[in-house]
Amino acid sequence: MIEYRIRDTSTMLKLFYVIFMNLHRAPYMIPRMRAEADHPQRYTEEQRYSLVQHAIYLMNKTGKINTVETGAENLPKQGGYMMYPNHQGKYDVLGIMYTHKSPCSFVMDKRKSHTILVREFCDLVQAKRLEKDNPRQGITSIFFSQRADTGLTIKIRYAISKQEVLRSL
């Protein structure tokens, strides 16, 4: 198990503080993130992931957030694996991406993925967007993400409850 902890208390006030204190970076960072996401043929996966890690670093530095990574030695050296956050916090995915050395991606609610900055993060790492209110998509959605350099294939399944399946039929 890998554990990512924030040593500082994470509150809504801190989130607003980080956003406010980084507003001066937005005119530079957001267009740069958008440009790299719109032209994946010009930028490698590692370059785009590095930009995401840099943006997270700036937010951590501003918010005085210290992310501690433990258990990374338990990850397999070869082949693929999936990581799951222990709860649906606002920082879980960012904490994993900030401390994970090789590029990774995530699955997110489609409606929430189109807000400012979140959209750029999703597009840079080619995150998968799922419609929560569409059970048929949840049943049939198996995404294959294949990396050209390793031939690694990752299957991501979106599970739904039995009642939602019955209601959709």
Protein backbone atom coordinates (compact mmCIF):
# COMPACT_ATOMS: atom_id res chain seq x y z
CA MET A 1 0.00 0.00 0.00
CA ILE A 2 1.24 3.47 -0.83
CA GLU A 3 0.22 6.21 1.50
CA TYR A 4 0.21 9.89 0.64
CA ARG A 5 -0.32 12.21 3.57
CA ILE A 6 -0.53 15.93 3.80
CA ARG A 7 1.10 17.09 7.01
CA ASP A 8 -0.80 20.34 7.00
CA THR A 9 -4.55 20.51 7.54
CA SER A 10 -6.31 20.79 4.21
CA THR A 11 -9.34 23.05 4.38
CA MET A 12 -11.47 24.92 1.91
CA LEU A 13 -9.86 28.12 3.16
CA LYS A 14 -6.43 26.79 2.21
CA LEU A 15 -7.73 25.84 -1.25
CA PHE A 16 -8.97 29.38 -1.82
CA TYR A 17 -5.71 30.77 -0.45
CA VAL A 18 -3.66 28.68 -2.92
CA ILE A 19 -5.88 29.76 -5.82
CA PHE A 20 -5.67 33.43 -4.86
CA MET A 21 -1.90 33.38 -4.32
CA ASN A 22 -1.33 31.74 -7.72
CA LEU A 23 -3.57 34.04 -9.76
CA HIS A 24 -0.53 35.91 -11.06
CA ARG A 25 0.74 32.66 -12.61
CA ALA A 26 -2.51 31.87 -14.43
CA PRO A 27 -1.93 34.08 -17.51
CA TYR A 28 1.30 32.17 -18.16
CA MET A 29 0.65 28.64 -16.90
CA ILE A 30 -2.86 27.96 -18.22
CA PRO A 31 -2.12 28.91 -21.87
CA ARG A 32 1.14 26.92 -21.68
CA MET A 33 -0.70 23.88 -20.31
CA ARG A 34 -3.42 24.29 -22.96
CA ALA A 35 -0.82 24.53 -25.76
CA GLU A 36 1.00 21.38 -24.65
CA ALA A 37 -2.28 19.49 -24.22
CA ASP A 38 -3.53 20.55 -27.66
CA HIS A 39 -0.34 19.42 -29.42
CA PRO A 40 0.68 16.02 -28.00
CA GLN A 41 2.73 15.30 -31.13
CA ARG A 42 5.11 18.19 -30.25
CA TYR A 43 5.54 17.29 -26.59
CA THR A 44 6.39 13.90 -25.18
CA GLU A 45 4.36 12.28 -22.44
CA GLU A 46 7.24 12.94 -20.02
CA GLN A 47 7.37 16.66 -20.92
CA ARG A 48 3.63 17.06 -20.34
CA TYR A 49 3.80 15.12 -17.08
CA SER A 50 6.73 17.27 -15.97
CA LEU A 51 4.62 20.40 -16.53
CA VAL A 52 1.83 18.90 -14.41
CA GLN A 53 4.31 18.11 -11.63
CA HIS A 54 5.70 21.66 -11.81
CA ALA A 55 2.20 23.16 -11.48
CA ILE A 56 1.52 20.93 -8.46
CA TYR A 57 4.89 21.94 -6.98
CA LEU A 58 3.96 25.63 -7.27
CA MET A 59 0.61 25.00 -5.57
CA ASN A 60 2.26 22.98 -2.79
CA LYS A 61 4.88 25.67 -2.22
CA THR A 62 2.29 28.44 -2.06
CA GLY A 63 0.01 26.49 0.29
CA LYS A 64 2.92 25.25 2.43
CA ILE A 65 1.78 21.67 1.77
CA ASN A 66 4.31 18.92 2.42
CA THR A 67 3.46 15.65 0.67
CA VAL A 68 5.00 12.51 2.16
CA GLU A 69 5.31 9.41 -0.01
CA THR A 70 5.60 6.02 1.65
CA GLY A 71 5.48 2.53 0.20
CA ALA A 72 6.81 3.35 -3.28
CA GLU A 73 9.23 0.44 -2.98
CA ASN A 74 6.21 -1.90 -3.08
CA LEU A 75 5.26 -0.85 -6.62
CA PRO A 76 6.24 -3.33 -9.33
CA LYS A 77 9.36 -2.38 -11.28
CA GLN A 78 8.01 -3.81 -14.54
CA GLY A 79 4.53 -4.05 -15.94
CA GLY A 80 1.50 -1.98 -15.11
CA TYR A 81 -0.47 -1.36 -11.96
CA MET A 82 -3.40 0.71 -10.76
CA MET A 83 -3.41 3.05 -7.78
CA TYR A 84 -6.58 4.09 -5.98
CA PRO A 85 -6.85 7.06 -3.62
CA ASN A 86 -8.21 6.20 -0.19
CA HIS A 87 -10.93 8.87 -0.43
CA GLN A 88 -12.29 11.40 -2.89
CA GLY A 89 -10.38 14.40 -1.65
CA LYS A 90 -9.34 17.36 -3.72
CA TYR A 91 -5.66 16.56 -3.29
CA ASP A 92 -5.44 12.76 -3.66
CA VAL A 93 -4.76 12.63 -7.40
CA LEU A 94 -2.41 15.61 -7.21
CA GLY A 95 -0.47 13.99 -4.37
CA ILE A 96 -0.08 10.76 -6.32
CA MET A 97 0.99 12.56 -9.49
CA TYR A 98 3.42 14.82 -7.64
CA THR A 99 5.32 11.96 -6.02
CA HIS A 100 4.98 9.33 -8.77
CA LYS A 101 8.11 9.38 -10.92
CA SER A 102 6.79 7.95 -14.19
CA PRO A 103 3.78 9.41 -16.03
CA CYS A 104 0.37 8.25 -14.86
CA SER A 105 -3.22 9.25 -15.49
CA PHE A 106 -6.59 9.15 -13.72
CA VAL A 107 -10.33 8.68 -14.18
CA MET A 108 -12.68 11.57 -13.38
CA ASP A 109 -16.32 12.65 -13.51
CA LYS A 110 -16.97 14.21 -16.92
CA ARG A 111 -18.91 17.20 -15.59
CA LYS A 112 -16.23 18.22 -13.12
CA SER A 113 -13.42 17.73 -15.63
CA HIS A 114 -14.34 20.75 -17.73
CA THR A 115 -13.58 23.47 -15.19
CA ILE A 116 -10.62 25.80 -15.52
CA LEU A 117 -7.25 24.23 -14.68
CA VAL A 118 -8.85 20.81 -14.13
CA ARG A 119 -9.44 20.60 -17.88
CA GLU A 120 -5.77 21.35 -18.54
CA PHE A 121 -4.62 18.68 -16.06
CA CYS A 122 -6.97 16.11 -17.61
CA ASP A 123 -5.86 16.86 -21.15
CA LEU A 124 -2.14 16.92 -20.32
CA VAL A 125 -2.15 13.42 -18.82
CA GLN A 126 -4.94 12.16 -21.10
CA ALA A 127 -7.28 11.38 -18.21
CA LYS A 128 -10.41 9.36 -18.83
CA ARG A 129 -13.73 11.16 -18.38
CA LEU A 130 -16.74 9.12 -17.27
CA GLU A 131 -20.39 10.11 -17.17
CA LYS A 132 -21.64 9.21 -13.71
CA ASP A 133 -25.30 9.43 -14.66
CA ASN A 134 -24.98 7.07 -17.64
CA PRO A 135 -24.94 3.48 -16.33
CA ARG A 136 -24.69 1.99 -19.82
CA GLN A 137 -21.41 3.78 -20.37
CA GLY A 138 -20.28 2.51 -16.98
CA ILE A 139 -21.00 -1.07 -17.96
CA THR A 140 -19.42 -0.92 -21.40
CA SER A 141 -16.54 1.46 -20.66
CA ILE A 142 -13.26 -0.36 -20.73
CA PHE A 143 -10.49 1.92 -21.79
CA PHE A 144 -7.17 0.72 -23.11
CA SER A 145 -4.31 3.10 -22.72
CA GLN A 146 -1.25 1.83 -24.51
CA ARG A 147 2.17 3.38 -24.14
CA ALA A 148 4.18 3.12 -27.33
CA ASP A 149 7.55 2.71 -25.64
CA THR A 150 6.66 -0.24 -23.38
CA GLY A 151 3.58 -1.72 -24.97
CA LEU A 152 1.94 -1.50 -21.53
CA THR A 153 -1.83 -1.83 -21.55
CA ILE A 154 -3.89 -0.62 -18.60
CA LYS A 155 -7.55 -1.57 -18.30
CA ILE A 156 -9.75 0.81 -16.35
CA ARG A 157 -13.24 -0.33 -15.41
CA TYR A 158 -15.97 1.84 -14.00
CA ALA A 159 -18.12 -0.18 -11.63
CA ILE A 160 -21.71 0.69 -10.86
CA SER A 161 -24.24 -0.73 -8.47
CA LYS A 162 -26.61 -3.57 -9.32
CA GLN A 163 -29.67 -1.32 -8.95
CA GLU A 164 -28.34 1.14 -11.55
CA VAL A 165 -27.84 -1.72 -14.00
CA LEU A 166 -31.39 -2.97 -13.49
CA ARG A 167 -32.86 0.54 -13.87
CA SER A 168 -31.04 1.07 -17.17
CA LEU A 169 -32.30 -2.16 -18.78
